[in-house]
C-alpha atoms as a PDB file:
ATOM      1  CA  MET A   1     118.614 210.915 -14.415  1.00  0.00           C
ATOM      2  CA  GLU A   2     115.355 209.569 -15.796  1.00  0.00           C
ATOM      3  CA  ASN A   3     112.354 211.864 -16.081  1.00  0.00           C
ATOM      4  CA  LEU A   4     110.296 211.870 -12.909  1.00  0.00           C
ATOM      5  CA  LYS A   5     106.656 210.804 -12.999  1.00  0.00           C
ATOM      6  CA  ALA A   6     103.871 212.317 -10.915  1.00  0.00           C
ATOM      7  CA  LEU A   7     100.507 210.666 -10.331  1.00  0.00           C
ATOM      8  CA  VAL A   8      97.567 212.602  -8.924  1.00  0.00           C
ATOM      9  CA  LEU A   9      94.597 210.670  -7.551  1.00  0.00           C
ATOM     10  CA  ASN A  10      91.588 212.975  -7.443  1.00  0.00           C
ATOM     11  CA  CYS A  11      89.243 211.469  -4.856  1.00  0.00           C
ATOM     12  CA  SER A  12      86.297 213.654  -5.777  1.00  0.00           C
ATOM     13  CA  LEU A  13      82.851 212.056  -5.583  1.00  0.00           C
ATOM     14  CA  LYS A  14      82.252 213.291  -9.140  1.00  0.00           C
ATOM     15  CA  LYS A  15      83.165 211.405 -12.304  1.00  0.00           C
ATOM     16  CA  SER A  16      85.146 213.036 -15.110  1.00  0.00           C
ATOM     17  CA  ASP A  17      82.037 214.231 -16.941  1.00  0.00           C
ATOM     18  CA  GLU A  18      81.250 216.496 -13.960  1.00  0.00           C
ATOM     19  CA  LEU A  19      83.037 219.676 -12.926  1.00  0.00           C
ATOM     20  CA  SER A  20      85.354 219.122  -9.955  1.00  0.00           C
ATOM     21  CA  ASN A  21      86.602 221.939  -7.728  1.00  0.00           C
ATOM     22  CA  THR A  22      89.436 219.694  -6.571  1.00  0.00           C
ATOM     23  CA  ASP A  23      90.471 219.139 -10.179  1.00  0.00           C
ATOM     24  CA  ALA A  24      90.522 222.890 -10.793  1.00  0.00           C
ATOM     25  CA  LEU A  25      93.041 223.398  -7.982  1.00  0.00           C
ATOM     26  CA  LEU A  26      95.143 220.481  -9.211  1.00  0.00           C
ATOM     27  CA  LYS A  27      95.625 222.150 -12.584  1.00  0.00           C
ATOM     28  CA  ASP A  28      98.057 224.595 -10.954  1.00  0.00           C
ATOM     29  CA  PHE A  29     100.149 221.666  -9.708  1.00  0.00           C
ATOM     30  CA  ILE A  30     100.247 220.261 -13.222  1.00  0.00           C
ATOM     31  CA  LYS A  31     101.427 223.600 -14.632  1.00  0.00           C
ATOM     32  CA  ILE A  32     104.416 223.569 -12.271  1.00  0.00           C
ATOM     33  CA  PHE A  33     105.173 219.914 -13.015  1.00  0.00           C
ATOM     34  CA  ASP A  34     105.057 220.692 -16.732  1.00  0.00           C
ATOM     35  CA  SER A  35     107.468 223.597 -16.262  1.00  0.00           C
ATOM     36  CA  LYS A  36     109.898 221.185 -14.593  1.00  0.00           C
ATOM     37  CA  HIS A  37     109.441 218.539 -17.298  1.00  0.00           C
ATOM     38  CA  ILE A  38     107.770 216.153 -14.871  1.00  0.00           C
ATOM     39  CA  LYS A  39     105.463 213.668 -16.586  1.00  0.00           C
ATOM     40  CA  SER A  40     102.132 213.815 -14.791  1.00  0.00           C
ATOM     41  CA  GLU A  41      98.745 212.140 -14.918  1.00  0.00           C
ATOM     42  CA  VAL A  42      95.530 212.912 -13.062  1.00  0.00           C
ATOM     43  CA  ILE A  43      93.119 210.065 -12.350  1.00  0.00           C
ATOM     44  CA  ARG A  44      89.551 210.582 -11.172  1.00  0.00           C
ATOM     45  CA  VAL A  45      89.283 207.491  -8.962  1.00  0.00           C
ATOM     46  CA  VAL A  46      85.493 207.193  -9.248  1.00  0.00           C
ATOM     47  CA  ASP A  47      85.900 206.622 -12.993  1.00  0.00           C
ATOM     48  CA  TYR A  48      87.166 203.158 -12.028  1.00  0.00           C
ATOM     49  CA  ASN A  49      85.384 200.249 -10.386  1.00  0.00           C
ATOM     50  CA  VAL A  50      87.445 200.177  -7.181  1.00  0.00           C
ATOM     51  CA  ALA A  51      86.224 197.484  -4.815  1.00  0.00           C
ATOM     52  CA  TYR A  52      86.195 197.744  -1.040  1.00  0.00           C
ATOM     53  CA  GLY A  53      88.803 195.694   0.779  1.00  0.00           C
ATOM     54  CA  ILE A  54      92.430 195.558   1.807  1.00  0.00           C
ATOM     55  CA  ALA A  55      94.169 193.606  -0.941  1.00  0.00           C
ATOM     56  CA  ASP A  56      95.998 194.462  -4.142  1.00  0.00           C
ATOM     57  CA  ASP A  57      93.268 192.746  -6.206  1.00  0.00           C
ATOM     58  CA  MET A  58      89.779 191.940  -4.953  1.00  0.00           C
ATOM     59  CA  GLY A  59      88.777 190.151  -8.184  1.00  0.00           C
ATOM     60  CA  ASP A  60      85.261 190.291  -9.709  1.00  0.00           C
ATOM     61  CA  GLY A  61      85.990 193.233 -11.999  1.00  0.00           C
ATOM     62  CA  ASP A  62      88.043 195.198  -9.489  1.00  0.00           C
ATOM     63  CA  GLU A  63      89.946 197.895 -11.414  1.00  0.00           C
ATOM     64  CA  TRP A  64      92.202 198.970  -8.555  1.00  0.00           C
ATOM     65  CA  PRO A  65      95.154 196.983  -9.999  1.00  0.00           C
ATOM     66  CA  LYS A  66      95.191 199.406 -12.972  1.00  0.00           C
ATOM     67  CA  ILE A  67      95.614 202.361 -10.613  1.00  0.00           C
ATOM     68  CA  LEU A  68      98.061 200.511  -8.370  1.00  0.00           C
ATOM     69  CA  GLU A  69     100.359 199.827 -11.313  1.00  0.00           C
ATOM     70  CA  LYS A  70     100.473 203.567 -12.041  1.00  0.00           C
ATOM     71  CA  VAL A  71     101.303 204.258  -8.373  1.00  0.00           C
ATOM     72  CA  LYS A  72     104.185 201.800  -8.586  1.00  0.00           C
ATOM     73  CA  GLN A  73     105.548 203.576 -11.669  1.00  0.00           C
ATOM     74  CA  ALA A  74     105.275 207.050 -10.123  1.00  0.00           C
ATOM     75  CA  ASP A  75     107.944 208.944  -8.207  1.00  0.00           C
ATOM     76  CA  ILE A  76     105.460 211.477  -6.824  1.00  0.00           C
ATOM     77  CA  LEU A  77     101.944 210.768  -5.562  1.00  0.00           C
ATOM     78  CA  ILE A  78      99.390 213.424  -4.695  1.00  0.00           C
ATOM     79  CA  LEU A  79      96.212 212.339  -2.955  1.00  0.00           C
ATOM     80  CA  ALA A  80      93.507 214.970  -3.430  1.00  0.00           C
ATOM     81  CA  SER A  81      90.147 215.146  -1.690  1.00  0.00           C
ATOM     82  CA  PRO A  82      87.179 217.433  -1.173  1.00  0.00           C
ATOM     83  CA  VAL A  83      85.885 218.060   2.338  1.00  0.00           C
ATOM     84  CA  TRP A  84      82.539 216.547   3.315  1.00  0.00           C
ATOM     85  CA  LEU A  85      81.200 216.979   6.867  1.00  0.00           C
ATOM     86  CA  GLY A  86      84.631 218.187   7.941  1.00  0.00           C
ATOM     87  CA  GLU A  87      86.311 214.994   6.718  1.00  0.00           C
ATOM     88  CA  LYS A  88      88.230 213.675   3.714  1.00  0.00           C
ATOM     89  CA  SER A  89      86.070 211.947   1.114  1.00  0.00           C
ATOM     90  CA  SER A  90      85.096 208.293   1.406  1.00  0.00           C
ATOM     91  CA  VAL A  91      86.896 207.729  -1.891  1.00  0.00           C
ATOM     92  CA  SER A  92      90.215 208.901  -0.432  1.00  0.00           C
ATOM     93  CA  LYS A  93      89.720 206.589   2.554  1.00  0.00           C
ATOM     94  CA  LYS A  94      89.118 203.692   0.173  1.00  0.00           C
ATOM     95  CA  VAL A  95      92.332 204.562  -1.711  1.00  0.00           C
ATOM     96  CA  LEU A  96      94.341 204.464   1.517  1.00  0.00           C
ATOM     97  CA  GLU A  97      92.789 201.102   2.391  1.00  0.00           C
ATOM     98  CA  ARG A  98      93.656 199.679  -1.027  1.00  0.00           C
ATOM     99  CA  LEU A  99      97.213 201.025  -0.832  1.00  0.00           C
ATOM    100  CA  ASN A 100      97.449 199.310   2.528  1.00  0.00           C
ATOM    101  CA  GLY A 101      96.680 196.077   0.698  1.00  0.00           C
ATOM    102  CA  SER A 102     100.165 196.281  -0.802  1.00  0.00           C
ATOM    103  CA  SER A 103     101.940 197.041   2.470  1.00  0.00           C
ATOM    104  CA  SER A 104     103.555 193.604   2.587  1.00  0.00           C
ATOM    105  CA  GLU A 105     104.929 193.882  -0.962  1.00  0.00           C
ATOM    106  CA  THR A 106     108.626 194.736  -1.201  1.00  0.00           C
ATOM    107  CA  ASN A 107     111.066 196.168  -3.728  1.00  0.00           C
ATOM    108  CA  GLU A 108     114.301 194.528  -4.900  1.00  0.00           C
ATOM    109  CA  LYS A 109     115.995 195.534  -1.642  1.00  0.00           C
ATOM    110  CA  GLY A 110     113.311 194.005   0.531  1.00  0.00           C
ATOM    111  CA  GLN A 111     111.888 197.395   1.517  1.00  0.00           C
ATOM    112  CA  PRO A 112     108.182 198.329   1.425  1.00  0.00           C
ATOM    113  CA  ILE A 113     107.101 198.892  -2.171  1.00  0.00           C
ATOM    114  CA  PHE A 114     106.325 202.593  -1.611  1.00  0.00           C
ATOM    115  CA  TYR A 115     109.811 203.490  -0.361  1.00  0.00           C
ATOM    116  CA  ASN A 116     111.634 206.215  -2.339  1.00  0.00           C
ATOM    117  CA  LYS A 117     108.322 207.680  -3.491  1.00  0.00           C
ATOM    118  CA  VAL A 118     107.243 211.075  -2.181  1.00  0.00           C
ATOM    119  CA  ALA A 119     103.692 212.119  -1.430  1.00  0.00           C
ATOM    120  CA  GLY A 120     101.571 215.169  -0.736  1.00  0.00           C
ATOM    121  CA  ALA A 121      97.920 216.073  -0.239  1.00  0.00           C
ATOM    122  CA  VAL A 122      95.474 218.554  -1.747  1.00  0.00           C
ATOM    123  CA  VAL A 123      92.126 219.451  -0.174  1.00  0.00           C
ATOM    124  CA  THR A 124      89.256 221.719  -1.240  1.00  0.00           C
ATOM    125  CA  GLY A 125      85.946 222.593   0.397  1.00  0.00           C
ATOM    126  CA  ASN A 126      83.501 225.382   1.111  1.00  0.00           C
ATOM    127  CA  GLU A 127      83.807 224.980   4.877  1.00  0.00           C
ATOM    128  CA  ASP A 128      86.445 224.109   7.456  1.00  0.00           C
ATOM    129  CA  GLY A 129      88.183 220.741   7.756  1.00  0.00           C
ATOM    130  CA  ALA A 130      90.993 221.038   5.230  1.00  0.00           C
ATOM    131  CA  LYS A 131      93.900 220.652   7.654  1.00  0.00           C
ATOM    132  CA  HIS A 132      92.214 217.753   9.430  1.00  0.00           C
ATOM    133  CA  ALA A 133      91.528 215.964   6.143  1.00  0.00           C
ATOM    134  CA  ALA A 134      95.026 216.632   4.781  1.00  0.00           C
ATOM    135  CA  GLY A 135      96.596 215.471   8.039  1.00  0.00           C
ATOM    136  CA  ASP A 136      94.767 212.156   7.813  1.00  0.00           C
ATOM    137  CA  LEU A 137      95.917 211.663   4.225  1.00  0.00           C
ATOM    138  CA  ILE A 138      99.546 212.536   4.955  1.00  0.00           C
ATOM    139  CA  PHE A 139      99.684 210.320   8.043  1.00  0.00           C
ATOM    140  CA  GLY A 140      98.270 207.364   6.126  1.00  0.00           C
ATOM    141  CA  LEU A 141     100.698 207.808   3.243  1.00  0.00           C
ATOM    142  CA  ALA A 142     103.670 208.112   5.614  1.00  0.00           C
ATOM    143  CA  GLN A 143     102.646 204.942   7.442  1.00  0.00           C
ATOM    144  CA  LEU A 144     102.634 203.081   4.134  1.00  0.00           C
ATOM    145  CA  GLY A 145     106.231 204.116   3.374  1.00  0.00           C
ATOM    146  CA  PHE A 146     105.860 207.244   1.268  1.00  0.00           C
ATOM    147  CA  ALA A 147     108.311 210.031   2.102  1.00  0.00           C
ATOM    148  CA  ILE A 148     106.777 213.372   3.058  1.00  0.00           C
ATOM    149  CA  PRO A 149     108.649 216.612   2.247  1.00  0.00           C
ATOM    150  CA  PRO A 150     108.269 219.846   4.222  1.00  0.00           C
ATOM    151  CA  ASN A 151     104.964 221.650   3.639  1.00  0.00           C
ATOM    152  CA  PRO A 152     103.434 218.909   1.466  1.00  0.00           C
ATOM    153  CA  ILE A 153      99.865 220.246   1.638  1.00  0.00           C
ATOM    154  CA  ALA A 154      97.925 222.696  -0.532  1.00  0.00           C
ATOM    155  CA  TYR A 155      94.330 223.611   0.203  1.00  0.00           C
ATOM    156  CA  TRP A 156      91.486 226.049  -0.216  1.00  0.00           C
ATOM    157  CA  VAL A 157      88.289 226.433   1.815  1.00  0.00           C
ATOM    158  CA  GLY A 158      85.558 229.000   1.556  1.00  0.00           C
ATOM    159  CA  GLU A 159      83.496 230.646   4.250  1.00  0.00           C
ATOM    160  CA  ALA A 160      81.858 228.551   6.951  1.00  0.00           C
ATOM    161  CA  GLY A 161      78.608 226.914   5.945  1.00  0.00           C
ATOM    162  CA  PRO A 162      77.077 226.422   2.485  1.00  0.00           C
ATOM    163  CA  GLY A 163      78.462 228.697  -0.171  1.00  0.00           C
ATOM    164  CA  PRO A 164      80.496 228.945  -3.366  1.00  0.00           C
ATOM    165  CA  SER A 165      83.279 226.401  -3.834  1.00  0.00           C
ATOM    166  CA  TYR A 166      86.720 226.820  -5.405  1.00  0.00           C
ATOM    167  CA  ILE A 167      85.669 227.493  -9.009  1.00  0.00           C
ATOM    168  CA  GLU A 168      82.694 229.760  -8.302  1.00  0.00           C
ATOM    169  CA  ALA A 169      84.583 231.637  -5.589  1.00  0.00           C
ATOM    170  CA  GLU A 170      87.619 232.084  -7.870  1.00  0.00           C
ATOM    171  CA  GLY A 171      89.797 230.338  -5.321  1.00  0.00           C
ATOM    172  CA  TYR A 172      92.725 230.490  -7.703  1.00  0.00           C
ATOM    173  CA  LYS A 173      93.051 234.159  -6.733  1.00  0.00           C
ATOM    174  CA  SER A 174      93.936 233.228  -3.150  1.00  0.00           C
ATOM    175  CA  GLU A 175      97.554 234.210  -2.552  1.00  0.00           C
ATOM    176  CA  PHE A 176      97.786 231.768   0.348  1.00  0.00           C
ATOM    177  CA  THR A 177      96.539 228.823  -1.700  1.00  0.00           C
ATOM    178  CA  GLN A 178      98.864 229.668  -4.573  1.00  0.00           C
ATOM    179  CA  SER A 179     101.739 229.886  -2.111  1.00  0.00           C
ATOM    180  CA  THR A 180     100.977 226.409  -0.721  1.00  0.00           C
ATOM    181  CA  ILE A 181     100.755 225.007  -4.246  1.00  0.00           C
ATOM    182  CA  GLU A 182     104.107 226.558  -5.148  1.00  0.00           C
ATOM    183  CA  THR A 183     105.839 225.274  -2.007  1.00  0.00           C
ATOM    184  CA  ALA A 184     104.342 221.777  -2.036  1.00  0.00           C
ATOM    185  CA  SER A 185     105.004 221.157  -5.725  1.00  0.00           C
ATOM    186  CA  HIS A 186     108.622 222.319  -5.596  1.00  0.00           C
ATOM    187  CA  ASN A 187     109.363 220.351  -2.419  1.00  0.00           C
ATOM    188  CA  LEU A 188     107.804 217.197  -3.846  1.00  0.00           C
ATOM    189  CA  VAL A 189     109.973 217.435  -6.958  1.00  0.00           C
ATOM    190  CA  HIS A 190     113.102 218.290  -4.994  1.00  0.00           C
ATOM    191  CA  LEU A 191     112.779 215.309  -2.656  1.00  0.00           C
ATOM    192  CA  ALA A 192     111.897 212.973  -5.529  1.00  0.00           C
ATOM    193  CA  LYS A 193     115.107 213.997  -7.297  1.00  0.00           C
ATOM    194  CA  ILE A 194     117.115 213.273  -4.156  1.00  0.00           C
ATOM    195  CA  PHE A 195     115.650 209.768  -3.871  1.00  0.00           C
ATOM    196  CA  GLN A 196     116.289 209.126  -7.543  1.00  0.00           C
ATOM    197  CA  GLU A 197     120.003 209.753  -6.978  1.00  0.00           C
ATOM    198  CA  HIS A 198     120.231 208.560  -3.369  1.00  0.00           C
ATOM    199  CA  PRO A 199     117.555 205.972  -2.515  1.00  0.00           C
ATOM    200  CA  ILE A 200     116.944 204.977   1.086  1.00  0.00           C
ATOM    201  CA  PRO A 201     119.513 202.318   2.085  1.00  0.00           C
ATOM    202  CA  ALA A 202     118.282 198.847   2.967  1.00  0.00           C
ATOM    203  CA  GLU A 203     120.005 198.811   6.345  1.00  0.00           C
ATOM    204  CA  GLY A 204     117.372 199.075   9.053  1.00  0.00           C
ATOM    205  CA  ASN A 205     114.602 199.311   6.461  1.00  0.00           C
ATOM    206  CA  VAL A 206     114.064 195.736   5.308  1.00  0.00           C
ATOM    207  CA  SER A 207     110.708 194.111   5.955  1.00  0.00           C
ATOM    208  CA  GLU A 208     110.937 190.787   7.749  1.00  0.00           C
END
């Protein structure tokens, strides 16, 4: 078996030179991936010039193709988003739209290009909306062909209304959040290993 690769797309509104609460939670995923010898990479999407649109390449300096190539090489994809106004971030919505731009692309078996890849979602915020945001992300990824394992979501939210976010509130001490991280990460790896040995058969799954 080849080493599995995990790609994490952090859809924070902050660039890499700013502190991201979502990134802080993701570090615990990376620790588990490292312990399982999974090669992983975290990308802060706003560091790239990602154009609006539904195509694999919008031209005019669009840097989405660089990210898309990494998605194609990955066995595991995690889409991570903060909560704003009870919703997933606009950046995560843009990522789903750009992934949709490759929905007609197929692998060597004629299946959608994202088949045999597994996906999960991570959400952080200082008010409610985590399950709603994660549900949107998971549904979108499943519709595009990614496989979703049991309990693929990890999240943390603080008290209702304005207040301290994950880092300031020491969200890493939450037993519930740590439990969701542990479950999601292990299930993602387990299902990815299954697909590596037993990919989805072409029968009934070939795009016309």
